[in-house]
Protein backbone atom coordinates (compact mmCIF):
# COMPACT_ATOMS: atom_id res chain seq x y z
CA ASP A 1 -229.08 145.81 -77.71
CA THR A 2 -232.46 147.10 -76.67
CA LEU A 3 -234.06 149.95 -78.47
CA PRO A 4 -234.72 153.17 -76.59
CA PRO A 5 -238.35 153.76 -75.64
CA PRO A 6 -240.43 155.63 -78.20
CA PRO A 7 -240.78 159.34 -77.65
CA PRO A 8 -243.73 160.29 -75.46
CA PRO A 9 -246.82 161.69 -77.14
CA ALA A 10 -246.65 165.46 -77.49
CA GLU A 11 -250.01 165.78 -75.75
CA ALA A 12 -248.70 164.00 -72.64
CA LEU A 13 -245.66 166.28 -72.52
CA ALA A 14 -247.81 169.37 -73.07
CA LYS A 15 -250.14 168.47 -70.18
CA PHE A 16 -247.18 167.77 -67.88
CA ALA A 17 -245.72 171.16 -68.83
CA GLU A 18 -249.10 172.80 -68.20
CA LEU A 19 -249.27 171.23 -64.73
CA LYS A 20 -245.75 172.52 -63.97
CA THR A 21 -246.79 176.01 -65.09
CA LEU A 22 -249.94 175.95 -62.96
CA LEU A 23 -247.84 174.80 -59.99
CA LYS A 24 -245.23 177.50 -60.71
CA LEU A 25 -242.47 174.90 -60.97
CA PRO A 26 -239.37 175.43 -63.12
CA GLU A 27 -239.47 174.16 -66.67
CA GLU A 28 -236.76 171.60 -65.94
CA ALA A 29 -238.69 170.05 -63.03
CA ASP A 30 -239.24 166.33 -63.57
CA GLU A 31 -241.29 165.64 -60.46
CA LEU A 32 -244.60 167.03 -59.18
CA PRO A 33 -245.75 166.73 -55.57
CA ILE A 34 -249.00 164.78 -55.18
CA ASP A 35 -250.97 167.22 -53.05
CA ASP A 36 -254.16 169.27 -53.06
CA THR A 37 -252.56 171.93 -55.26
CA LEU A 38 -251.65 169.36 -57.92
CA LEU A 39 -255.20 168.03 -57.88
CA GLU A 40 -256.55 171.56 -58.35
CA ALA A 41 -254.14 172.07 -61.27
CA PHE A 42 -255.24 168.71 -62.73
CA GLN A 43 -258.87 169.86 -62.64
CA LEU A 44 -257.93 173.06 -64.47
CA ALA A 45 -255.70 171.33 -67.02
CA PHE A 46 -258.44 168.88 -67.96
CA GLU A 47 -261.34 171.32 -67.36
CA LEU A 48 -262.77 168.70 -65.05
CA PRO A 49 -264.16 169.85 -61.69
CA PHE A 50 -264.17 166.78 -59.44
CA ASP A 51 -267.53 167.72 -57.91
CA GLU A 52 -269.06 167.26 -61.36
CA VAL A 53 -267.50 163.80 -61.71
CA GLY A 54 -268.94 162.53 -58.45
CA ALA A 55 -268.18 161.74 -54.85
CA GLY A 56 -264.76 160.18 -54.47
CA ALA A 57 -263.38 161.61 -57.72
CA GLU A 58 -260.50 163.40 -55.98
CA ASP A 59 -259.43 160.26 -54.13
CA ALA A 60 -259.75 158.18 -57.30
CA CYS A 61 -257.60 160.65 -59.24
CA ARG A 62 -254.99 160.74 -56.48
CA ALA A 63 -254.86 156.92 -56.54
CA LEU A 64 -254.50 156.86 -60.33
CA LEU A 65 -251.69 159.43 -60.28
CA ASP A 66 -249.89 157.89 -57.30
CA PRO A 67 -250.81 154.19 -57.10
CA LYS A 68 -247.83 153.34 -54.90
CA GLY A 69 -248.34 156.25 -52.51
CA LYS A 70 -244.92 157.80 -53.15
CA GLY A 71 -246.21 161.36 -52.77
CA HIS A 72 -244.80 162.56 -56.07
CA LEU A 73 -245.38 162.16 -59.80
CA THR A 74 -242.42 161.88 -62.15
CA SER A 75 -242.67 162.65 -65.85
CA LEU A 76 -242.19 158.92 -66.53
CA SER A 77 -245.10 158.00 -64.23
CA TRP A 78 -247.20 160.73 -65.88
CA ARG A 79 -246.49 159.29 -69.33
CA LEU A 80 -247.61 155.85 -68.13
CA PHE A 81 -250.79 157.31 -66.58
CA PHE A 82 -251.49 159.22 -69.79
CA LEU A 83 -250.92 156.13 -71.95
CA LYS A 84 -253.29 154.02 -69.84
CA TRP A 85 -255.93 156.75 -70.02
CA GLN A 86 -255.62 157.11 -73.79
CA ARG A 87 -255.80 153.35 -74.32
CA SER A 88 -258.98 153.21 -72.25
CA GLU A 89 -260.70 155.31 -74.95
CA LYS A 90 -262.68 157.04 -72.20
CA THR A 91 -262.99 160.72 -71.40
CA MET A 92 -260.94 161.71 -68.36
CA ALA A 93 -264.17 162.00 -66.33
CA GLU A 94 -265.18 158.45 -67.34
CA TYR A 95 -261.67 157.16 -66.59
CA ILE A 96 -261.67 158.62 -63.10
CA LYS A 97 -265.27 157.56 -62.45
CA ALA A 98 -264.42 153.98 -63.45
CA ARG A 99 -261.70 153.95 -60.75
CA GLN A 100 -263.89 155.32 -57.96
CA THR A 101 -264.60 153.01 -55.05
């Protein structure tokens, strides 16, 4: 038998819930559309205007959130994104900047 995955960090869940609220999605929604509105909500949730991060920050963030180009972000994908960011030990601005091309 395999063990169930550990519970997600409360901070990851709280940010996902905040994004849903900013997007006016129902509480039970498990998927967010990857679009300009989500990227605006992301900037608000992390208090991180992309123009202050640098040219290409929006595209870098979109690529980090949706690396396979599916057009949506599930709560599971969000948790993985959040885990990778936390393990990087960078600020969100540094994390996005490091992924810019």
